[in-house]
Amino acid sequence: MAGSPGSGGAGWVSLSPARLAQAEVVVGDWMLEFACYCLCRHFREGRTAEFRRCRDVAQAVINSLSKIATHQKKTVYLCQLLTRIAKGKRLDCHFENDQRISPLESALSIWTLLEREESKPNKLHEDIHRLIQIQVVAVHMEKGYFKEAAEVLERLFTDLESNKPLRMKLAAIIKSKDPYVPFLQNFSYNLLISKIKSYVELFMKDNETNFLIQAATKQVEAKELGATMLQNETVDVSETKEESNLETNRSCMEEQSITNQSSGDARKPIVSYVSCRPHSGQKHRKKSALQSLNSLQNVEKHGDAWACGRKRQRWTHAEDLQLKSGVREFGVGNWAKILVHGDFNNRTSVMLKDRWRTLRRIDQV
């Protein structure tokens, strides 16, 4: 897609003012959807600090819109709803010019607008509407504002016939001045939050195709792939250097063993170890105790063969099968793992690597 992240920024300079204005509208849509998606995610996960940050971003994007397009209404309303719900118990916080309107009462107005944008309102929408109505009254009662709770009730139910049973129930609760009656506990603020989170999850599921999220996800995956490849190359080089140093040390031990056997007591060969310095430019690596023990065992076991000169050992068909099986299981480049788990006859990981190249060259893999 032209102008997408990572495709280069040289093309936009030549856009005409009209085309650039159209592009800005598209980007604005992406930013609004992305801000709302992040706001929903942090609300659902209860991340207060991140929610506040995304709330400010979303509000800035909404304020930058010259007008709210029809397809943007649901997104804008949801951002405004979550902002008010998050401040639901703060009666000192105001979103309307009328200072009497609490955050939840303002949220109820936004929810009514949001419901109109739904193609098929369902029971979840009805539950949320009822819970907001109840909690508008309950929050005032919890703060001890019983007179204000009665006034709120009058504003909520201007139509006396609209949901008359609920209106009468709340009126009786306000009259009792008991904010902890079972009815209010059954329709608690926590239940309201839970229902809103359910609605948010449905919205997020329907908006996973946001362009900015997809582009960012591809960028993250590309970086992770690059880091993995670099790590594999580093491990491969490290293994090659380690095997090279082992080969150098082993050759030095062979030569010293031959010298001691030819000049010493023939009845008791003496195996002497000398420290061989790596070639110029190579870093000295200490071998582990296990590697040293293996080297000692190999010298004692194969001293006679090494004394006569090392012969190149041909690869058997069984070893080739072991190598192919190891590559299938651990992947190309993991020669050390393949060597440990396979059954090879005095091979090194470098030998496995070289043999694999040979098999590929002769089309045996």
Protein backbone atom coordinates (compact mmCIF):
# COMPACT_ATOMS: atom_id res chain seq x y z
CA MET A 1 0.00 0.00 0.00
CA ALA A 2 1.41 3.37 -0.98
CA GLY A 3 2.42 5.47 1.96
CA SER A 4 2.28 2.58 4.41
CA PRO A 5 4.90 2.39 7.20
CA GLY A 6 8.24 1.13 5.96
CA SER A 7 7.55 1.77 2.27
CA GLY A 8 9.50 5.01 2.14
CA GLY A 9 8.33 8.61 2.43
CA ALA A 10 9.44 10.07 -0.90
CA GLY A 11 6.07 9.69 -2.65
CA TRP A 12 3.89 11.89 -0.46
CA VAL A 13 5.70 15.12 -1.41
CA SER A 14 4.27 15.03 -4.93
CA LEU A 15 0.64 14.63 -3.77
CA SER A 16 -1.76 17.37 -4.74
CA PRO A 17 -3.43 19.32 -1.89
CA ALA A 18 -6.75 17.58 -2.57
CA ARG A 19 -5.19 14.10 -2.58
CA LEU A 20 -3.15 14.90 0.55
CA ALA A 21 -6.33 16.03 2.34
CA GLN A 22 -7.96 12.72 1.44
CA ALA A 23 -4.93 10.83 2.72
CA GLU A 24 -5.10 12.74 6.01
CA VAL A 25 -8.71 11.65 6.45
CA VAL A 26 -7.72 8.01 5.96
CA VAL A 27 -4.87 8.31 8.44
CA GLY A 28 -7.24 9.99 10.88
CA ASP A 29 -9.54 6.97 10.65
CA TRP A 30 -6.64 4.62 11.37
CA MET A 31 -5.51 6.70 14.34
CA LEU A 32 -9.02 6.91 15.80
CA GLU A 33 -9.56 3.16 15.48
CA PHE A 34 -6.14 2.43 16.94
CA ALA A 35 -6.62 4.80 19.88
CA CYS A 36 -10.03 3.30 20.64
CA TYR A 37 -8.69 -0.26 20.35
CA CYS A 38 -5.90 0.51 22.84
CA LEU A 39 -8.34 2.26 25.17
CA CYS A 40 -10.61 -0.80 25.12
CA ARG A 41 -7.71 -3.17 25.76
CA HIS A 42 -6.40 -1.25 28.79
CA PHE A 43 -9.93 -0.86 30.19
CA ARG A 44 -10.53 -4.59 29.84
CA GLU A 45 -7.21 -5.44 31.52
CA GLY A 46 -7.60 -2.81 34.26
CA ARG A 47 -4.39 -0.94 33.41
CA THR A 48 -5.13 2.45 34.92
CA ALA A 49 -2.01 4.37 33.89
CA GLU A 50 -2.07 3.05 30.32
CA PHE A 51 -5.80 3.74 30.11
CA ARG A 52 -5.30 7.39 31.09
CA ARG A 53 -2.56 7.80 28.49
CA CYS A 54 -4.69 6.30 25.72
CA ARG A 55 -7.67 8.33 26.89
CA ASP A 56 -5.72 11.55 26.30
CA VAL A 57 -4.57 10.33 22.88
CA ALA A 58 -8.10 9.34 21.87
CA GLN A 59 -9.50 12.68 23.03
CA ALA A 60 -6.84 14.55 21.06
CA VAL A 61 -7.68 12.56 17.91
CA ILE A 62 -11.42 13.19 18.40
CA ASN A 63 -10.82 16.91 18.93
CA SER A 64 -8.81 17.05 15.70
CA LEU A 65 -11.78 15.83 13.64
CA SER A 66 -13.52 18.65 11.78
CA LYS A 67 -16.70 16.59 12.00
CA ILE A 68 -17.61 13.09 13.08
CA ALA A 69 -18.43 10.96 10.06
CA THR A 70 -21.21 8.40 10.24
CA HIS A 71 -18.81 5.44 10.25
CA GLN A 72 -16.82 7.07 13.10
CA LYS A 73 -19.71 7.62 15.49
CA LYS A 74 -19.62 4.23 17.19
CA THR A 75 -15.87 4.48 17.79
CA VAL A 76 -16.12 8.03 19.18
CA TYR A 77 -19.07 7.15 21.42
CA LEU A 78 -17.25 4.12 22.83
CA CYS A 79 -14.19 6.22 23.72
CA GLN A 80 -16.41 8.75 25.47
CA LEU A 81 -18.36 6.03 27.27
CA LEU A 82 -15.26 4.33 28.69
CA THR A 83 -13.83 7.67 29.82
CA ARG A 84 -17.01 8.40 31.80
CA ILE A 85 -17.40 4.88 33.19
CA ALA A 86 -13.80 5.01 34.49
CA LYS A 87 -14.74 8.13 36.48
CA GLY A 88 -18.14 6.74 37.47
CA LYS A 89 -17.79 7.21 41.23
CA ARG A 90 -16.23 10.65 41.06
CA LEU A 91 -19.14 13.04 41.64
CA ASP A 92 -16.67 15.95 41.59
CA CYS A 93 -15.77 15.12 37.98
CA HIS A 94 -17.90 16.72 35.26
CA PHE A 95 -18.19 16.05 31.52
CA GLU A 96 -21.21 18.29 30.90
CA ASN A 97 -21.78 22.02 31.32
CA ASP A 98 -24.49 21.24 33.84
CA GLN A 99 -22.57 20.60 37.08
CA ARG A 100 -25.39 18.43 38.40
CA ILE A 101 -24.72 15.76 35.77
CA SER A 102 -22.49 13.03 37.21
CA PRO A 103 -20.06 10.96 35.07
CA LEU A 104 -22.45 7.98 35.04
CA GLU A 105 -25.43 10.12 34.09
CA SER A 106 -23.35 11.51 31.23
CA ALA A 107 -22.31 7.93 30.36
CA LEU A 108 -25.99 6.97 30.12
CA SER A 109 -26.54 9.67 27.49
CA ILE A 110 -23.54 8.39 25.51
CA TRP A 111 -24.74 4.79 25.84
CA THR A 112 -28.13 5.77 24.43
CA LEU A 113 -26.35 7.22 21.37
CA LEU A 114 -24.18 4.12 21.08
CA GLU A 115 -27.21 1.83 21.17
CA ARG A 116 -28.65 3.67 18.17
CA GLU A 117 -25.54 2.71 16.18
CA GLU A 118 -26.04 -0.99 16.91
CA SER A 119 -27.76 -2.88 14.14
CA LYS A 120 -29.22 -5.50 16.49
CA PRO A 121 -29.40 -4.46 20.18
CA ASN A 122 -29.42 -7.54 22.40
CA LYS A 123 -29.79 -8.47 26.07
CA LEU A 124 -26.27 -7.25 26.85
CA HIS A 125 -27.24 -3.76 25.70
CA GLU A 126 -30.38 -3.86 27.84
CA ASP A 127 -28.40 -5.05 30.89
CA ILE A 128 -25.85 -2.27 30.54
CA HIS A 129 -28.56 0.40 30.14
CA ARG A 130 -30.36 -0.79 33.29
CA LEU A 131 -27.14 -1.09 35.31
CA ILE A 132 -26.06 2.46 34.45
CA GLN A 133 -29.46 3.78 35.52
CA ILE A 134 -29.27 1.94 38.85
CA GLN A 135 -25.67 2.95 39.54
CA VAL A 136 -26.34 6.62 38.82
CA VAL A 137 -28.69 6.54 41.82
CA ALA A 138 -26.55 4.14 43.91
CA VAL A 139 -23.37 6.26 43.68
CA HIS A 140 -25.22 9.33 44.96
CA MET A 141 -26.63 7.30 47.84
CA GLU A 142 -23.20 5.86 48.73
CA LYS A 143 -21.93 9.44 49.09
CA GLY A 144 -24.91 10.36 51.27
CA TYR A 145 -26.53 12.61 48.65
CA PHE A 146 -30.10 11.34 49.00
CA LYS A 147 -31.75 14.56 47.82
CA GLU A 148 -29.57 14.61 44.72
CA ALA A 149 -30.35 10.91 44.15
CA ALA A 150 -34.07 11.77 44.04
CA GLU A 151 -33.40 14.57 41.56
CA VAL A 152 -31.35 12.22 39.39
CA LEU A 153 -34.21 9.74 39.39
CA GLU A 154 -36.56 12.41 38.06
CA ARG A 155 -34.16 13.22 35.22
CA LEU A 156 -33.64 9.56 34.34
CA PHE A 157 -37.33 8.77 34.03
CA THR A 158 -38.95 11.82 32.48
CA ASP A 159 -41.53 9.50 30.97
CA LEU A 160 -43.45 8.18 33.95
CA GLU A 161 -44.56 5.11 32.02
CA SER A 162 -41.03 4.24 30.88
CA ASN A 163 -39.74 1.28 32.94
CA LYS A 164 -42.17 2.13 35.71
CA PRO A 165 -41.32 -0.89 37.97
CA LEU A 166 -37.61 0.08 38.08
CA ARG A 167 -38.45 3.71 38.76
CA MET A 168 -40.72 2.78 41.68
CA LYS A 169 -38.13 0.37 43.10
CA LEU A 170 -35.38 3.03 43.06
CA ALA A 171 -37.72 5.63 44.55
CA ALA A 172 -38.45 3.30 47.49
CA ILE A 173 -34.71 2.64 48.00
CA ILE A 174 -33.92 6.37 48.03
CA LYS A 175 -36.67 6.91 50.58
CA SER A 176 -35.18 4.24 52.83
CA LYS A 177 -31.75 5.98 52.66
CA ASP A 178 -30.05 2.60 52.74
CA PRO A 179 -27.37 2.33 50.00
CA TYR A 180 -26.63 -1.31 50.90
CA VAL A 181 -29.98 -2.94 50.21
CA PRO A 182 -29.76 -6.33 48.42
CA PHE A 183 -31.22 -4.88 45.22
CA LEU A 184 -28.33 -2.44 44.78
CA GLN A 185 -25.83 -5.17 45.69
CA ASN A 186 -27.27 -7.41 42.98
CA PHE A 187 -26.82 -4.63 40.40
CA SER A 188 -23.45 -3.44 41.66
CA TYR A 189 -20.87 -1.16 40.07
CA ASN A 190 -18.54 -4.15 39.63
CA LEU A 191 -21.24 -5.96 37.65
CA LEU A 192 -21.58 -2.88 35.45
CA ILE A 193 -17.83 -2.89 34.77
CA SER A 194 -17.98 -6.61 33.95
CA LYS A 195 -20.79 -6.05 31.43
CA ILE A 196 -18.95 -3.14 29.83
CA LYS A 197 -15.84 -5.34 29.47
CA SER A 198 -17.95 -7.98 27.69
CA TYR A 199 -19.16 -5.33 25.25
CA VAL A 200 -15.60 -4.07 24.77
CA GLU A 201 -14.35 -7.57 23.92
CA LEU A 202 -16.95 -7.87 21.17
CA PHE A 203 -15.93 -4.49 19.78
CA MET A 204 -12.22 -5.45 19.78
CA LYS A 205 -12.97 -8.71 18.02
CA ASP A 206 -14.80 -6.83 15.26
CA ASN A 207 -11.95 -4.31 14.88
CA GLU A 208 -8.84 -6.50 14.76
CA THR A 209 -8.24 -5.55 11.12
CA ASN A 210 -7.11 -2.01 11.94
CA PHE A 211 -4.33 -1.11 9.49
CA LEU A 212 -1.98 0.39 12.07
CA ILE A 213 -2.23 -2.72 14.25
CA GLN A 214 -1.56 -5.02 11.29
CA ALA A 215 1.39 -2.92 10.06
CA ALA A 216 2.90 -2.70 13.55
CA THR A 217 2.45 -6.45 14.09
CA LYS A 218 4.31 -7.24 10.85
CA GLN A 219 7.11 -4.89 11.89
CA VAL A 220 7.44 -6.57 15.29
CA GLU A 221 7.46 -10.05 13.72
CA ALA A 222 10.13 -8.98 11.21
CA LYS A 223 12.36 -7.66 14.00
CA GLU A 224 11.90 -10.85 16.03
CA LEU A 225 12.76 -12.97 12.99
CA GLY A 226 15.87 -10.89 12.33
CA ALA A 227 16.98 -11.17 15.95
CA THR A 228 16.47 -14.96 15.89
CA MET A 229 18.49 -15.34 12.69
CA LEU A 230 21.31 -13.20 14.11
CA GLN A 231 21.35 -15.25 17.29
CA ASN A 232 21.56 -18.51 15.32
CA GLU A 233 24.44 -17.15 13.23
CA THR A 234 26.27 -16.05 16.39
CA VAL A 235 25.84 -19.47 17.99
CA ASP A 236 27.03 -21.19 14.80
CA VAL A 237 30.17 -19.04 14.60
CA SER A 238 30.85 -19.58 18.30
CA GLU A 239 30.55 -23.36 17.92
CA THR A 240 32.86 -23.32 14.89
CA LYS A 241 35.54 -21.36 16.79
CA GLU A 242 35.25 -23.66 19.80
CA GLU A 243 35.62 -26.77 17.66
CA SER A 244 38.61 -25.22 15.89
CA ASN A 245 40.32 -24.59 19.23
CA LEU A 246 39.58 -28.14 20.34
CA GLU A 247 41.12 -29.50 17.14
CA THR A 248 44.25 -27.36 17.70
CA ASN A 249 44.62 -28.56 21.31
CA ARG A 250 44.04 -32.16 20.28
CA SER A 251 46.75 -31.99 17.58
CA CYS A 252 49.23 -30.58 20.10
CA MET A 253 48.43 -33.38 22.54
CA GLU A 254 48.93 -35.99 19.79
CA GLU A 255 52.36 -34.64 18.88
CA GLN A 256 53.47 -34.51 22.50
CA SER A 257 52.19 -38.06 23.07
CA ILE A 258 54.18 -39.38 20.09
CA THR A 259 57.35 -37.64 21.32
CA ASN A 260 57.03 -39.06 24.85
CA GLN A 261 56.35 -42.60 23.58
CA SER A 262 59.37 -42.60 21.26
CA SER A 263 61.85 -41.20 23.82
CA GLY A 264 60.56 -42.63 27.10
CA ASP A 265 59.90 -46.03 28.61
CA ALA A 266 58.28 -48.19 25.93
CA ARG A 267 56.50 -50.22 28.56
CA LYS A 268 54.59 -47.23 29.97
CA PRO A 269 53.62 -44.59 27.42
CA ILE A 270 53.43 -41.12 28.88
CA VAL A 271 50.67 -38.83 27.71
CA SER A 272 51.61 -35.21 28.34
CA TYR A 273 49.38 -32.17 27.83
CA VAL A 274 50.74 -28.85 26.68
CA SER A 275 48.95 -25.56 26.35
CA CYS A 276 48.65 -24.50 22.73
CA ARG A 277 48.03 -20.85 22.10
CA PRO A 278 45.34 -20.01 19.56
CA HIS A 279 46.37 -18.36 16.34
CA SER A 280 46.83 -14.60 16.35
CA GLY A 281 43.50 -12.77 16.56
CA GLN A 282 41.62 -15.64 18.23
CA LYS A 283 40.28 -15.32 21.78
CA HIS A 284 41.28 -17.98 24.26
CA ARG A 285 38.31 -20.04 25.47
CA LYS A 286 38.41 -22.18 28.58
CA LYS A 287 37.05 -25.62 28.07
CA SER A 288 34.62 -26.98 30.62
CA ALA A 289 35.62 -29.78 32.95
CA LEU A 290 33.46 -32.17 30.95
CA GLN A 291 35.17 -31.28 27.66
CA SER A 292 38.61 -31.74 29.26
CA LEU A 293 37.60 -35.14 30.60
CA ASN A 294 36.27 -36.20 27.19
CA SER A 295 39.52 -35.06 25.52
CA LEU A 296 41.57 -37.09 28.01
CA GLN A 297 39.47 -40.18 27.43
CA ASN A 298 39.72 -39.83 23.66
CA VAL A 299 43.55 -39.46 23.82
CA GLU A 300 43.92 -42.54 26.02
CA LYS A 301 41.52 -44.58 23.89
CA HIS A 302 42.84 -43.61 20.47
CA GLY A 303 46.46 -42.73 21.30
CA ASP A 304 47.88 -45.46 19.07
CA ALA A 305 45.82 -44.40 16.06
CA TRP A 306 46.81 -40.76 16.48
CA ALA A 307 50.46 -41.72 16.93
CA CYS A 308 50.41 -43.36 13.52
CA GLY A 309 48.90 -40.28 11.93
CA ARG A 310 45.25 -39.39 11.79
CA LYS A 311 43.38 -41.01 8.91
CA ARG A 312 40.35 -39.46 7.33
CA GLN A 313 37.30 -41.44 8.35
CA ARG A 314 34.67 -42.09 5.71
CA TRP A 315 31.04 -41.29 6.52
CA THR A 316 28.85 -44.35 6.80
CA HIS A 317 25.31 -44.60 5.51
CA ALA A 318 24.06 -44.91 9.11
CA GLU A 319 25.79 -41.66 10.08
CA ASP A 320 24.23 -39.86 7.12
CA LEU A 321 20.82 -41.05 8.25
CA GLN A 322 21.55 -39.82 11.78
CA LEU A 323 22.59 -36.43 10.42
CA LYS A 324 19.46 -36.05 8.29
CA SER A 325 17.26 -37.09 11.20
CA GLY A 326 18.96 -34.54 13.46
CA VAL A 327 18.46 -31.72 10.97
CA ARG A 328 14.77 -32.58 10.68
CA GLU A 329 14.40 -32.49 14.47
CA PHE A 330 16.62 -29.55 15.47
CA GLY A 331 17.02 -27.57 12.23
CA VAL A 332 20.01 -26.58 10.10
CA GLY A 333 22.72 -24.85 12.16
CA ASN A 334 22.08 -26.62 15.47
CA TRP A 335 25.04 -28.95 14.94
CA ALA A 336 25.98 -29.21 18.62
CA LYS A 337 22.49 -30.50 19.53
CA ILE A 338 22.49 -32.91 16.59
CA LEU A 339 25.91 -34.22 17.66
CA VAL A 340 24.79 -34.83 21.26
CA HIS A 341 21.55 -36.61 20.33
CA GLY A 342 22.91 -38.57 17.37
CA ASP A 343 25.07 -41.69 17.19
CA PHE A 344 28.23 -40.58 15.39
CA ASN A 345 31.69 -42.13 15.32
CA ASN A 346 34.17 -39.56 16.72
CA ARG A 347 32.61 -36.63 14.86
CA THR A 348 32.57 -32.93 15.72
CA SER A 349 29.89 -30.35 15.03
CA VAL A 350 32.17 -28.86 12.35
CA MET A 351 32.32 -32.24 10.65
CA LEU A 352 28.54 -32.47 10.77
CA LYS A 353 28.26 -29.05 9.20
CA ASP A 354 30.73 -29.92 6.41
CA ARG A 355 29.02 -33.26 5.73
CA TRP A 356 25.63 -31.54 5.47
CA ARG A 357 27.04 -29.16 2.84
CA THR A 358 28.42 -32.14 0.95
CA LEU A 359 25.07 -33.95 1.02
CA ARG A 360 23.33 -30.87 -0.28
CA ARG A 361 25.88 -30.44 -3.04
CA ILE A 362 25.38 -34.01 -4.27
CA ASP A 363 21.58 -33.73 -3.93
CA GLN A 364 21.31 -36.28 -1.16
CA VAL A 365 18.96 -34.11 0.94
